[in-house]
């Protein structure tokens, strides 16, 4: 797996009450996520930031935690990092 930094746009909203429509402006959030690229398809990329290496002595299978699926339509850039 490749270690990557992905910059992507996320939605923002969810006001707690009524407000004037002219105050409802789009404010997407620029997010940055780093992790191991587990899946890379035309629709989405899946990052896993935390991995456990399998071990014969410990009998632990390869595992990951914190997986995040990012839609490709929201991705601004992908940069490979040196592991």
PDB file of N, CA and C in Angstrom:
ATOM      1  N   UNK A   1       0.830  -1.186   0.000  1.00  0.00           N
ATOM      2  CA  UNK A   1       0.000   0.000   0.000  1.00  0.00           C
ATOM      3  C   UNK A   1       0.873   1.247   0.000  1.00  0.00           C
ATOM      4  N   UNK A   2       0.354   2.289  -0.603  1.00  0.00           N
ATOM      5  CA  UNK A   2       1.067   3.569  -0.664  1.00  0.00           C
ATOM      6  C   UNK A   2       0.600   4.476   0.471  1.00  0.00           C
ATOM      7  N   UNK A   3       1.515   5.236   1.044  1.00  0.00           N
ATOM      8  CA  UNK A   3       1.192   6.243   2.047  1.00  0.00           C
ATOM      9  C   UNK A   3       0.945   7.547   1.314  1.00  0.00           C
ATOM     10  N   UNK A   4      -0.248   8.147   1.495  1.00  0.00           N
ATOM     11  CA  UNK A   4      -0.611   9.338   0.729  1.00  0.00           C
ATOM     12  C   UNK A   4      -1.214  10.427   1.618  1.00  0.00           C
ATOM     13  N   UNK A   5      -1.150  11.658   1.118  1.00  0.00           N
ATOM     14  CA  UNK A   5      -1.840  12.810   1.678  1.00  0.00           C
ATOM     15  C   UNK A   5      -2.902  13.199   0.664  1.00  0.00           C
ATOM     16  N   UNK A   6      -4.162  13.211   1.082  1.00  0.00           N
ATOM     17  CA  UNK A   6      -5.258  13.592   0.190  1.00  0.00           C
ATOM     18  C   UNK A   6      -5.884  14.883   0.695  1.00  0.00           C
ATOM     19  N   UNK A   7      -5.990  15.867  -0.186  1.00  0.00           N
ATOM     20  CA  UNK A   7      -6.739  17.089   0.105  1.00  0.00           C
ATOM     21  C   UNK A   7      -8.096  16.944  -0.560  1.00  0.00           C
ATOM     22  N   UNK A   8      -9.156  17.238   0.214  1.00  0.00           N
ATOM     23  CA  UNK A   8     -10.502  17.023  -0.318  1.00  0.00           C
ATOM     24  C   UNK A   8     -11.471  18.023   0.295  1.00  0.00           C
ATOM     25  N   UNK A   9     -12.569  18.252  -0.426  1.00  0.00           N
ATOM     26  CA  UNK A   9     -13.592  19.188   0.026  1.00  0.00           C
ATOM     27  C   UNK A   9     -14.718  18.435   0.715  1.00  0.00           C
ATOM     28  N   UNK A  10     -15.099  18.917   1.883  1.00  0.00           N
ATOM     29  CA  UNK A  10     -16.200  18.330   2.640  1.00  0.00           C
ATOM     30  C   UNK A  10     -17.313  19.364   2.736  1.00  0.00           C
ATOM     31  N   UNK A  11     -18.523  18.888   2.916  1.00  0.00           N
ATOM     32  CA  UNK A  11     -19.655  19.803   3.057  1.00  0.00           C
ATOM     33  C   UNK A  11     -19.689  20.371   4.469  1.00  0.00           C
ATOM     34  N   UNK A  12     -20.366  21.482   4.615  1.00  0.00           N
ATOM     35  CA  UNK A  12     -20.477  22.136   5.912  1.00  0.00           C
ATOM     36  C   UNK A  12     -21.872  22.698   6.032  1.00  0.00           C
ATOM     37  N   UNK A  13     -22.452  22.574   7.169  1.00  0.00           N
ATOM     38  CA  UNK A  13     -23.791  23.127   7.370  1.00  0.00           C
ATOM     39  C   UNK A  13     -24.380  22.601   8.653  1.00  0.00           C
ATOM     40  N   UNK A  14     -25.700  22.585   8.691  1.00  0.00           N
ATOM     41  CA  UNK A  14     -26.375  22.065   9.864  1.00  0.00           C
ATOM     42  C   UNK A  14     -26.612  23.118  10.928  1.00  0.00           C
ATOM     43  N   UNK A  15     -27.085  24.278  10.497  1.00  0.00           N
ATOM     44  CA  UNK A  15     -27.370  25.312  11.486  1.00  0.00           C
ATOM     45  C   UNK A  15     -28.428  24.813  12.463  1.00  0.00           C
ATOM     46  N   UNK A  16     -28.382  25.338  13.668  1.00  0.00           N
ATOM     47  CA  UNK A  16     -29.256  24.880  14.738  1.00  0.00           C
ATOM     48  C   UNK A  16     -30.651  25.475  14.742  1.00  0.00           C
ATOM     49  N   UNK A  17     -30.923  26.389  13.863  1.00  0.00           N
ATOM     50  CA  UNK A  17     -32.246  27.021  13.884  1.00  0.00           C
ATOM     51  C   UNK A  17     -32.540  27.728  12.576  1.00  0.00           C
ATOM     52  N   UNK A  18     -33.610  28.475  12.583  1.00  0.00           N
ATOM     53  CA  UNK A  18     -34.014  29.218  11.400  1.00  0.00           C
ATOM     54  C   UNK A  18     -33.062  30.384  11.183  1.00  0.00           C
ATOM     55  N   UNK A  19     -32.796  30.673   9.896  1.00  0.00           N
ATOM     56  CA  UNK A  19     -32.020  31.864   9.567  1.00  0.00           C
ATOM     57  C   UNK A  19     -32.397  32.334   8.176  1.00  0.00           C
ATOM     58  N   UNK A  20     -32.115  33.586   7.894  1.00  0.00           N
ATOM     59  CA  UNK A  20     -32.463  34.187   6.603  1.00  0.00           C
ATOM     60  C   UNK A  20     -31.736  33.464   5.478  1.00  0.00           C
ATOM     61  N   UNK A  21     -32.434  33.260   4.360  1.00  0.00           N
ATOM     62  CA  UNK A  21     -31.844  32.540   3.230  1.00  0.00           C
ATOM     63  C   UNK A  21     -30.611  33.231   2.679  1.00  0.00           C
ATOM     64  N   UNK A  22     -30.557  34.568   2.743  1.00  0.00           N
ATOM     65  CA  UNK A  22     -29.363  35.263   2.236  1.00  0.00           C
ATOM     66  C   UNK A  22     -28.134  34.992   3.106  1.00  0.00           C
ATOM     67  N   UNK A  23     -28.352  34.475   4.316  1.00  0.00           N
ATOM     68  CA  UNK A  23     -27.233  34.112   5.182  1.00  0.00           C
ATOM     69  C   UNK A  23     -26.768  32.673   4.967  1.00  0.00           C
ATOM     70  N   UNK A  24     -27.450  31.919   4.114  1.00  0.00           N
ATOM     71  CA  UNK A  24     -27.087  30.525   3.826  1.00  0.00           C
ATOM     72  C   UNK A  24     -26.123  30.503   2.644  1.00  0.00           C
ATOM     73  N   UNK A  25     -24.840  30.624   2.932  1.00  0.00           N
ATOM     74  CA  UNK A  25     -23.830  30.651   1.876  1.00  0.00           C
ATOM     75  C   UNK A  25     -23.021  29.359   1.907  1.00  0.00           C
ATOM     76  N   UNK A  26     -22.595  28.897   0.737  1.00  0.00           N
ATOM     77  CA  UNK A  26     -21.815  27.657   0.696  1.00  0.00           C
ATOM     78  C   UNK A  26     -20.406  27.902   1.218  1.00  0.00           C
ATOM     79  N   UNK A  27     -20.004  27.104   2.165  1.00  0.00           N
ATOM     80  CA  UNK A  27     -18.667  27.185   2.729  1.00  0.00           C
ATOM     81  C   UNK A  27     -18.079  25.790   2.842  1.00  0.00           C
ATOM     82  N   UNK A  28     -17.600  25.224   1.710  1.00  0.00           N
ATOM     83  CA  UNK A  28     -16.989  23.892   1.807  1.00  0.00           C
ATOM     84  C   UNK A  28     -15.695  23.971   2.613  1.00  0.00           C
ATOM     85  N   UNK A  29     -15.373  22.884   3.257  1.00  0.00           N
ATOM     86  CA  UNK A  29     -14.171  22.808   4.081  1.00  0.00           C
ATOM     87  C   UNK A  29     -13.074  22.062   3.330  1.00  0.00           C
ATOM     88  N   UNK A  30     -11.877  22.628   3.297  1.00  0.00           N
ATOM     89  CA  UNK A  30     -10.737  21.925   2.719  1.00  0.00           C
ATOM     90  C   UNK A  30     -10.138  21.050   3.807  1.00  0.00           C
ATOM     91  N   UNK A  31     -10.149  19.742   3.588  1.00  0.00           N
ATOM     92  CA  UNK A  31      -9.659  18.777   4.574  1.00  0.00           C
ATOM     93  C   UNK A  31      -8.379  18.131   4.058  1.00  0.00           C
ATOM     94  N   UNK A  32      -7.557  17.685   4.987  1.00  0.00           N
ATOM     95  CA  UNK A  32      -6.339  16.946   4.646  1.00  0.00           C
ATOM     96  C   UNK A  32      -6.327  15.669   5.462  1.00  0.00           C
ATOM     97  N   UNK A  33      -6.138  14.550   4.775  1.00  0.00           N
ATOM     98  CA  UNK A  33      -6.098  13.244   5.434  1.00  0.00           C
ATOM     99  C   UNK A  33      -4.870  12.486   4.964  1.00  0.00           C
ATOM    100  N   UNK A  34      -4.217  11.802   5.913  1.00  0.00           N
ATOM    101  CA  UNK A  34      -3.025  11.011   5.623  1.00  0.00           C
ATOM    102  C   UNK A  34      -3.298   9.571   6.024  1.00  0.00           C
ATOM    103  N   UNK A  35      -2.898   8.639   5.174  1.00  0.00           N
ATOM    104  CA  UNK A  35      -3.063   7.236   5.515  1.00  0.00           C
ATOM    105  C   UNK A  35      -2.575   6.343   4.400  1.00  0.00           C
ATOM    106  N   UNK A  36      -2.722   5.057   4.642  1.00  0.00           N
ATOM    107  CA  UNK A  36      -2.356   4.044   3.655  1.00  0.00           C
ATOM    108  C   UNK A  36      -3.529   3.872   2.713  1.00  0.00           C
ATOM    109  N   UNK A  37      -3.270   3.931   1.405  1.00  0.00           N
ATOM    110  CA  UNK A  37      -4.315   3.838   0.384  1.00  0.00           C
ATOM    111  C   UNK A  37      -4.707   2.373   0.197  1.00  0.00           C
ATOM    112  N   UNK A  38      -5.812   1.995   0.823  1.00  0.00           N
ATOM    113  CA  UNK A  38      -6.268   0.603   0.808  1.00  0.00           C
ATOM    114  C   UNK A  38      -7.032   0.273  -0.467  1.00  0.00           C
ATOM    115  N   UNK A  39      -7.934   1.170  -0.886  1.00  0.00           N
ATOM    116  CA  UNK A  39      -8.702   0.991  -2.121  1.00  0.00           C
ATOM    117  C   UNK A  39      -8.589   2.258  -2.951  1.00  0.00           C
ATOM    118  N   UNK A  40      -8.428   2.091  -4.255  1.00  0.00           N
ATOM    119  CA  UNK A  40      -8.304   3.214  -5.174  1.00  0.00           C
ATOM    120  C   UNK A  40      -9.143   2.895  -6.402  1.00  0.00           C
ATOM    121  N   UNK A  41     -10.395   3.371  -6.413  1.00  0.00           N
ATOM    122  CA  UNK A  41     -11.292   3.094  -7.529  1.00  0.00           C
ATOM    123  C   UNK A  41     -11.680   4.410  -8.219  1.00  0.00           C
ATOM    124  N   UNK A  42     -12.465   4.324  -9.271  1.00  0.00           N
ATOM    125  CA  UNK A  42     -12.923   5.533  -9.954  1.00  0.00           C
ATOM    126  C   UNK A  42     -13.921   6.317  -9.105  1.00  0.00           C
ATOM    127  N   UNK A  43     -14.591   5.660  -8.166  1.00  0.00           N
ATOM    128  CA  UNK A  43     -15.607   6.316  -7.347  1.00  0.00           C
ATOM    129  C   UNK A  43     -15.062   6.853  -6.021  1.00  0.00           C
ATOM    130  N   UNK A  44     -14.120   6.161  -5.408  1.00  0.00           N
ATOM    131  CA  UNK A  44     -13.640   6.573  -4.096  1.00  0.00           C
ATOM    132  C   UNK A  44     -12.233   6.046  -3.820  1.00  0.00           C
ATOM    133  N   UNK A  45     -11.605   6.647  -2.820  1.00  0.00           N
ATOM    134  CA  UNK A  45     -10.320   6.184  -2.302  1.00  0.00           C
ATOM    135  C   UNK A  45     -10.532   5.927  -0.812  1.00  0.00           C
ATOM    136  N   UNK A  46      -9.990   4.825  -0.315  1.00  0.00           N
ATOM    137  CA  UNK A  46     -10.116   4.485   1.103  1.00  0.00           C
ATOM    138  C   UNK A  46      -8.739   4.575   1.752  1.00  0.00           C
ATOM    139  N   UNK A  47      -8.651   5.434   2.784  1.00  0.00           N
ATOM    140  CA  UNK A  47      -7.430   5.583   3.565  1.00  0.00           C
ATOM    141  C   UNK A  47      -7.576   4.881   4.903  1.00  0.00           C
ATOM    142  N   UNK A  48      -6.498   4.256   5.347  1.00  0.00           N
ATOM    143  CA  UNK A  48      -6.450   3.657   6.682  1.00  0.00           C
ATOM    144  C   UNK A  48      -5.187   4.211   7.358  1.00  0.00           C
ATOM    145  N   UNK A  49      -5.353   5.025   8.413  1.00  0.00           N
ATOM    146  CA  UNK A  49      -4.182   5.643   9.040  1.00  0.00           C
ATOM    147  C   UNK A  49      -3.422   4.742  10.003  1.00  0.00           C
ATOM    148  N   UNK A  50      -4.078   3.720  10.532  1.00  0.00           N
ATOM    149  CA  UNK A  50      -3.438   2.876  11.539  1.00  0.00           C
ATOM    150  C   UNK A  50      -3.458   1.416  11.098  1.00  0.00           C
ATOM    151  N   UNK A  51      -2.288   0.781  11.078  1.00  0.00           N
ATOM    152  CA  UNK A  51      -2.181  -0.608  10.647  1.00  0.00           C
ATOM    153  C   UNK A  51      -1.501  -1.465  11.704  1.00  0.00           C
ATOM    154  N   UNK A  52      -1.875  -2.733  11.746  1.00  0.00           N
ATOM    155  CA  UNK A  52      -1.202  -3.731  12.563  1.00  0.00           C
ATOM    156  C   UNK A  52      -0.594  -4.742  11.600  1.00  0.00           C
ATOM    157  N   UNK A  53       0.677  -4.979  11.735  1.00  0.00           N
ATOM    158  CA  UNK A  53       1.336  -5.965  10.887  1.00  0.00           C
ATOM    159  C   UNK A  53       1.014  -7.358  11.410  1.00  0.00           C
ATOM    160  N   UNK A  54       0.752  -8.276  10.495  1.00  0.00           N
ATOM    161  CA  UNK A  54       0.495  -9.648  10.949  1.00  0.00           C
ATOM    162  C   UNK A  54       1.774 -10.238  11.533  1.00  0.00           C
ATOM    163  N   UNK A  55       1.601 -11.109  12.506  1.00  0.00           N
ATOM    164  CA  UNK A  55       2.766 -11.730  13.128  1.00  0.00           C
ATOM    165  C   UNK A  55       2.534 -13.201  13.389  1.00  0.00           C
ATOM    166  N   UNK A  56       3.523 -14.004  13.069  1.00  0.00           N
ATOM    167  CA  UNK A  56       3.427 -15.442  13.295  1.00  0.00           C
ATOM    168  C   UNK A  56       3.407 -15.725  14.794  1.00  0.00           C
ATOM    169  N   UNK A  57       4.262 -15.011  15.536  1.00  0.00           N
ATOM    170  CA  UNK A  57       4.339 -15.244  16.977  1.00  0.00           C
ATOM    171  C   UNK A  57       3.056 -14.821  17.691  1.00  0.00           C
ATOM    172  N   UNK A  58       2.460 -13.719  17.261  1.00  0.00           N
ATOM    173  CA  UNK A  58       1.277 -13.185  17.947  1.00  0.00           C
ATOM    174  C   UNK A  58      -0.027 -13.708  17.361  1.00  0.00           C
ATOM    175  N   UNK A  59       0.055 -14.336  16.201  1.00  0.00           N
ATOM    176  CA  UNK A  59      -1.128 -14.872  15.504  1.00  0.00           C
ATOM    177  C   UNK A  59      -2.168 -13.795  15.228  1.00  0.00           C
ATOM    178  N   UNK A  60      -1.708 -12.605  14.940  1.00  0.00           N
ATOM    179  CA  UNK A  60      -2.604 -11.496  14.615  1.00  0.00           C
ATOM    180  C   UNK A  60      -2.628 -11.320  13.101  1.00  0.00           C
ATOM    181  N   UNK A  61      -3.821 -11.235  12.539  1.00  0.00           N
ATOM    182  CA  UNK A  61      -3.973 -10.985  11.103  1.00  0.00           C
ATOM    183  C   UNK A  61      -3.749  -9.498  10.827  1.00  0.00           C
ATOM    184  N   UNK A  62      -3.458  -9.166   9.571  1.00  0.00           N
ATOM    185  CA  UNK A  62      -3.323  -7.762   9.184  1.00  0.00           C
ATOM    186  C   UNK A  62      -4.631  -7.047   9.500  1.00  0.00           C
ATOM    187  N   UNK A  63      -4.527  -5.907  10.199  1.00  0.00           N
ATOM    188  CA  UNK A  63      -5.707  -5.154  10.597  1.00  0.00           C
ATOM    189  C   UNK A  63      -5.471  -3.666  10.394  1.00  0.00           C
ATOM    190  N   UNK A  64      -6.580  -2.919  10.284  1.00  0.00           N
ATOM    191  CA  UNK A  64      -6.506  -1.474  10.177  1.00  0.00           C
ATOM    192  C   UNK A  64      -7.583  -0.825  11.025  1.00  0.00           C
ATOM    193  N   UNK A  65      -7.381   0.448  11.351  1.00  0.00           N
ATOM    194  CA  UNK A  65      -8.354   1.181  12.160  1.00  0.00           C
ATOM    195  C   UNK A  65      -8.446   2.613  11.652  1.00  0.00           C
ATOM    196  N   UNK A  66      -9.660   3.148  11.644  1.00  0.00           N
ATOM    197  CA  UNK A  66      -9.872   4.539  11.256  1.00  0.00           C
ATOM    198  C   UNK A  66     -10.062   4.733   9.765  1.00  0.00           C
ATOM    199  N   UNK A  67     -10.563   3.699   9.067  1.00  0.00           N
ATOM    200  CA  UNK A  67     -10.713   3.802   7.615  1.00  0.00           C
ATOM    201  C   UNK A  67     -11.661   4.935   7.233  1.00  0.00           C
ATOM    202  N   UNK A  68     -11.348   5.585   6.120  1.00  0.00           N
ATOM    203  CA  UNK A  68     -12.116   6.724   5.622  1.00  0.00           C
ATOM    204  C   UNK A  68     -12.270   6.591   4.122  1.00  0.00           C
ATOM    205  N   UNK A  69     -13.514   6.562   3.634  1.00  0.00           N
ATOM    206  CA  UNK A  69     -13.787   6.524   2.195  1.00  0.00           C
ATOM    207  C   UNK A  69     -14.039   7.955   1.722  1.00  0.00           C
ATOM    208  N   UNK A  70     -13.251   8.411   0.762  1.00  0.00           N
ATOM    209  CA  UNK A  70     -13.381   9.769   0.226  1.00  0.00           C
ATOM    210  C   UNK A  70     -13.849   9.670  -1.221  1.00  0.00           C
ATOM    211  N   UNK A  71     -14.995  10.272  -1.563  1.00  0.00           N
ATOM    212  CA  UNK A  71     -15.456  10.253  -2.949  1.00  0.00           C
ATOM    213  C   UNK A  71     -14.461  10.988  -3.858  1.00  0.00           C
ATOM    214  N   UNK A  72     -14.138  10.413  -4.992  1.00  0.00           N
ATOM    215  CA  UNK A  72     -13.178  11.022  -5.915  1.00  0.00           C
ATOM    216  C   UNK A  72     -13.635  12.392  -6.397  1.00  0.00           C
ATOM    217  N   UNK A  73     -14.938  12.602  -6.499  1.00  0.00           N
ATOM    218  CA  UNK A  73     -15.456  13.899  -6.937  1.00  0.00           C
ATOM    219  C   UNK A  73     -15.085  15.015  -5.961  1.00  0.00           C
ATOM    220  N   UNK A  74     -14.783  14.673  -4.707  1.00  0.00           N
ATOM    221  CA  UNK A  74     -14.447  15.677  -3.696  1.00  0.00           C
ATOM    222  C   UNK A  74     -12.937  15.903  -3.568  1.00  0.00           C
ATOM    223  N   UNK A  75     -12.131  15.097  -4.258  1.00  0.00           N
ATOM    224  CA  UNK A  75     -10.675  15.157  -4.090  1.00  0.00           C
ATOM    225  C   UNK A  75     -10.068  16.298  -4.904  1.00  0.00           C
ATOM    226  N   UNK A  76      -9.258  17.100  -4.221  1.00  0.00           N
ATOM    227  CA  UNK A  76      -8.550  18.209  -4.847  1.00  0.00           C
ATOM    228  C   UNK A  76      -7.167  17.760  -5.307  1.00  0.00           C
ATOM    229  N   UNK A  77      -6.456  16.984  -4.451  1.00  0.00           N
ATOM    230  CA  UNK A  77      -5.130  16.508  -4.818  1.00  0.00           C
ATOM    231  C   UNK A  77      -4.765  15.266  -4.010  1.00  0.00           C
ATOM    232  N   UNK A  78      -3.857  14.481  -4.583  1.00  0.00           N
ATOM    233  CA  UNK A  78      -3.308  13.296  -3.915  1.00  0.00           C
ATOM    234  C   UNK A  78      -1.784  13.386  -4.069  1.00  0.00           C
ATOM    235  N   UNK A  79      -1.105  13.266  -2.929  1.00  0.00           N
ATOM    236  CA  UNK A  79       0.364  13.320  -2.966  1.00  0.00           C
ATOM    237  C   UNK A  79       0.910  12.094  -2.236  1.00  0.00           C
ATOM    238  N   UNK A  80       1.816  11.385  -2.895  1.00  0.00           N
ATOM    239  CA  UNK A  80       2.431  10.218  -2.261  1.00  0.00           C
ATOM    240  C   UNK A  80       3.512  10.674  -1.297  1.00  0.00           C
ATOM    241  N   UNK A  81       3.534  10.041  -0.126  1.00  0.00           N
ATOM    242  CA  UNK A  81       4.515  10.356   0.901  1.00  0.00           C
ATOM    243  C   UNK A  81       5.537   9.236   0.994  1.00  0.00           C
ATOM    244  N   UNK A  82       6.707   9.535   1.498  1.00  0.00           N
ATOM    245  CA  UNK A  82       7.744   8.528   1.684  1.00  0.00           C
ATOM    246  C   UNK A  82       7.496   7.833   3.005  1.00  0.00           C
ATOM    247  N   UNK A  83       7.391   6.513   2.974  1.00  0.00           N
ATOM    248  CA  UNK A  83       7.128   5.751   4.193  1.00  0.00           C
ATOM    249  C   UNK A  83       8.404   5.333   4.863  1.00  0.00           C
TER     250      UNK A  83
END
